[in-house]
Amino acid sequence: MSSDPSKATGKFHEVKGDAVETVGKALGSDSMQADGKQEHMEGKGETTAAKTKGYVEGAVEYAKGTFDSVVGSVTGDTAQQAGGDVQQKKGNVQMEANKDA
């Protein structure tokens, strides 16, 4: 798998692993079942890693936005405050999209 985790690639390997395991069961092949189970688990690991990475990136974005929003509010810089609010919302959306990580 690549060094940068991907939710799509992880899900692909989860599903493919399930299929290989099912075919292995149908054929009575223990090694094929084990290979399928292994691929499924590796895919699940990649999916979880990608979600965790996305959540952390969203949390960083949210924190930066909060900082800019507060500084803008304190200094009276409405443009900085509005930009911070937008960045904060963007981070929140990214965290929600990766919540079950």
C-alpha atoms as a PDB file:
ATOM      1  CA  MET A   1       0.000   0.000   0.000  1.00  0.00           C
ATOM      2  CA  SER A   2       1.094   3.587  -0.498  1.00  0.00           C
ATOM      3  CA  SER A   3       2.736   5.662   2.206  1.00  0.00           C
ATOM      4  CA  ASP A   4      -0.202   8.095   2.228  1.00  0.00           C
ATOM      5  CA  PRO A   5      -3.336   6.270   3.453  1.00  0.00           C
ATOM      6  CA  SER A   6      -6.447   6.422   1.283  1.00  0.00           C
ATOM      7  CA  LYS A   7     -10.024   5.678   2.336  1.00  0.00           C
ATOM      8  CA  ALA A   8     -10.902   4.525  -1.205  1.00  0.00           C
ATOM      9  CA  THR A   9      -7.927   2.175  -1.487  1.00  0.00           C
ATOM     10  CA  GLY A  10      -8.547   0.843   2.000  1.00  0.00           C
ATOM     11  CA  LYS A  11     -12.217   0.102   1.256  1.00  0.00           C
ATOM     12  CA  PHE A  12     -11.225  -1.562  -2.040  1.00  0.00           C
ATOM     13  CA  HIS A  13      -8.897  -3.945  -0.191  1.00  0.00           C
ATOM     14  CA  GLU A  14     -11.499  -4.617   2.510  1.00  0.00           C
ATOM     15  CA  VAL A  15     -14.061  -5.663  -0.114  1.00  0.00           C
ATOM     16  CA  LYS A  16     -11.535  -7.581  -2.226  1.00  0.00           C
ATOM     17  CA  GLY A  17     -10.305  -9.396   0.874  1.00  0.00           C
ATOM     18  CA  ASP A  18     -13.875 -10.387   1.746  1.00  0.00           C
ATOM     19  CA  ALA A  19     -14.373 -11.716  -1.795  1.00  0.00           C
ATOM     20  CA  VAL A  20     -11.131 -13.724  -1.722  1.00  0.00           C
ATOM     21  CA  GLU A  21     -12.042 -15.142   1.674  1.00  0.00           C
ATOM     22  CA  THR A  22     -15.509 -16.149   0.427  1.00  0.00           C
ATOM     23  CA  VAL A  23     -14.086 -17.846  -2.673  1.00  0.00           C
ATOM     24  CA  GLY A  24     -11.543 -19.583  -0.461  1.00  0.00           C
ATOM     25  CA  LYS A  25     -14.332 -20.931   1.745  1.00  0.00           C
ATOM     26  CA  ALA A  26     -16.279 -22.126  -1.295  1.00  0.00           C
ATOM     27  CA  LEU A  27     -13.196 -23.912  -2.657  1.00  0.00           C
ATOM     28  CA  GLY A  28     -12.126 -25.234   0.731  1.00  0.00           C
ATOM     29  CA  SER A  29      -8.805 -23.386   0.487  1.00  0.00           C
ATOM     30  CA  ASP A  30      -7.505 -22.420   3.905  1.00  0.00           C
ATOM     31  CA  SER A  31      -4.638 -20.402   2.429  1.00  0.00           C
ATOM     32  CA  MET A  32      -6.995 -18.417   0.188  1.00  0.00           C
ATOM     33  CA  GLN A  33      -9.250 -17.721   3.178  1.00  0.00           C
ATOM     34  CA  ALA A  34      -6.261 -16.552   5.195  1.00  0.00           C
ATOM     35  CA  ASP A  35      -5.040 -14.351   2.330  1.00  0.00           C
ATOM     36  CA  GLY A  36      -8.489 -12.786   2.018  1.00  0.00           C
ATOM     37  CA  LYS A  37      -8.746 -12.161   5.739  1.00  0.00           C
ATOM     38  CA  GLN A  38      -5.251 -10.627   5.734  1.00  0.00           C
ATOM     39  CA  GLU A  39      -6.085  -8.300   2.823  1.00  0.00           C
ATOM     40  CA  HIS A  40      -9.329  -7.268   4.508  1.00  0.00           C
ATOM     41  CA  MET A  41      -7.503  -6.377   7.724  1.00  0.00           C
ATOM     42  CA  GLU A  42      -4.805  -4.431   5.860  1.00  0.00           C
ATOM     43  CA  GLY A  43      -7.516  -2.519   3.990  1.00  0.00           C
ATOM     44  CA  LYS A  44      -9.348  -1.784   7.226  1.00  0.00           C
ATOM     45  CA  GLY A  45      -6.097  -0.503   8.712  1.00  0.00           C
ATOM     46  CA  GLU A  46      -5.545   1.814   5.755  1.00  0.00           C
ATOM     47  CA  THR A  47      -9.122   3.106   5.938  1.00  0.00           C
ATOM     48  CA  THR A  48      -8.734   3.831   9.655  1.00  0.00           C
ATOM     49  CA  ALA A  49      -5.377   5.540   9.115  1.00  0.00           C
ATOM     50  CA  ALA A  50      -6.831   7.743   6.360  1.00  0.00           C
ATOM     51  CA  LYS A  51      -9.789   8.731   8.530  1.00  0.00           C
ATOM     52  CA  THR A  52      -7.528   9.502  11.468  1.00  0.00           C
ATOM     53  CA  LYS A  53      -5.275  11.628   9.272  1.00  0.00           C
ATOM     54  CA  GLY A  54      -8.296  13.499   7.881  1.00  0.00           C
ATOM     55  CA  TYR A  55      -9.695  14.085  11.356  1.00  0.00           C
ATOM     56  CA  VAL A  56      -6.395  15.458  12.663  1.00  0.00           C
ATOM     57  CA  GLU A  57      -6.037  17.747   9.634  1.00  0.00           C
ATOM     58  CA  GLY A  58      -9.573  19.019  10.286  1.00  0.00           C
ATOM     59  CA  ALA A  59      -8.800  19.612  13.951  1.00  0.00           C
ATOM     60  CA  VAL A  60      -5.716  21.650  13.024  1.00  0.00           C
ATOM     61  CA  GLU A  61      -7.769  23.678  10.534  1.00  0.00           C
ATOM     62  CA  TYR A  62     -10.451  24.228  13.188  1.00  0.00           C
ATOM     63  CA  ALA A  63      -7.870  25.393  15.750  1.00  0.00           C
ATOM     64  CA  LYS A  64      -6.248  27.812  13.285  1.00  0.00           C
ATOM     65  CA  GLY A  65      -9.662  29.188  12.389  1.00  0.00           C
ATOM     66  CA  THR A  66     -10.584  29.630  16.037  1.00  0.00           C
ATOM     67  CA  PHE A  67      -7.334  31.489  16.663  1.00  0.00           C
ATOM     68  CA  ASP A  68      -7.861  33.833  13.694  1.00  0.00           C
ATOM     69  CA  SER A  69     -11.478  34.416  14.648  1.00  0.00           C
ATOM     70  CA  VAL A  70     -10.598  35.328  18.243  1.00  0.00           C
ATOM     71  CA  VAL A  71      -7.668  37.557  17.245  1.00  0.00           C
ATOM     72  CA  GLY A  72      -9.860  39.275  14.650  1.00  0.00           C
ATOM     73  CA  SER A  73     -12.585  39.808  17.219  1.00  0.00           C
ATOM     74  CA  VAL A  74     -10.197  41.201  19.830  1.00  0.00           C
ATOM     75  CA  THR A  75      -8.406  43.515  17.390  1.00  0.00           C
ATOM     76  CA  GLY A  76     -11.556  44.577  15.566  1.00  0.00           C
ATOM     77  CA  ASP A  77     -10.346  43.074  12.279  1.00  0.00           C
ATOM     78  CA  THR A  78     -13.643  41.818  10.868  1.00  0.00           C
ATOM     79  CA  ALA A  79     -11.967  40.351   7.768  1.00  0.00           C
ATOM     80  CA  GLN A  80      -9.649  38.220   9.915  1.00  0.00           C
ATOM     81  CA  GLN A  81     -12.558  37.219  12.120  1.00  0.00           C
ATOM     82  CA  ALA A  82     -14.703  36.218   9.123  1.00  0.00           C
ATOM     83  CA  GLY A  83     -11.814  34.314   7.560  1.00  0.00           C
ATOM     84  CA  GLY A  84     -11.244  32.491  10.823  1.00  0.00           C
ATOM     85  CA  ASP A  85     -14.924  31.601  11.058  1.00  0.00           C
ATOM     86  CA  VAL A  86     -14.819  30.103   7.549  1.00  0.00           C
ATOM     87  CA  GLN A  87     -11.625  28.171   8.310  1.00  0.00           C
ATOM     88  CA  GLN A  88     -13.151  26.938  11.557  1.00  0.00           C
ATOM     89  CA  LYS A  89     -16.258  25.656   9.726  1.00  0.00           C
ATOM     90  CA  LYS A  90     -14.093  23.980   7.088  1.00  0.00           C
ATOM     91  CA  GLY A  91     -12.150  22.166   9.815  1.00  0.00           C
ATOM     92  CA  ASN A  92     -15.362  21.119  11.537  1.00  0.00           C
ATOM     93  CA  VAL A  93     -16.738  19.643   8.295  1.00  0.00           C
ATOM     94  CA  GLN A  94     -13.509  17.704   7.753  1.00  0.00           C
ATOM     95  CA  MET A  95     -13.586  16.378  11.321  1.00  0.00           C
ATOM     96  CA  GLU A  96     -17.233  15.289  10.951  1.00  0.00           C
ATOM     97  CA  ALA A  97     -16.449  13.507   7.658  1.00  0.00           C
ATOM     98  CA  ASN A  98     -13.783  11.452   9.440  1.00  0.00           C
ATOM     99  CA  LYS A  99     -15.449  11.155  12.850  1.00  0.00           C
ATOM    100  CA  ASP A 100     -15.674   7.399  13.281  1.00  0.00           C
ATOM    101  CA  ALA A 101     -11.919   6.980  12.916  1.00  0.00           C
END
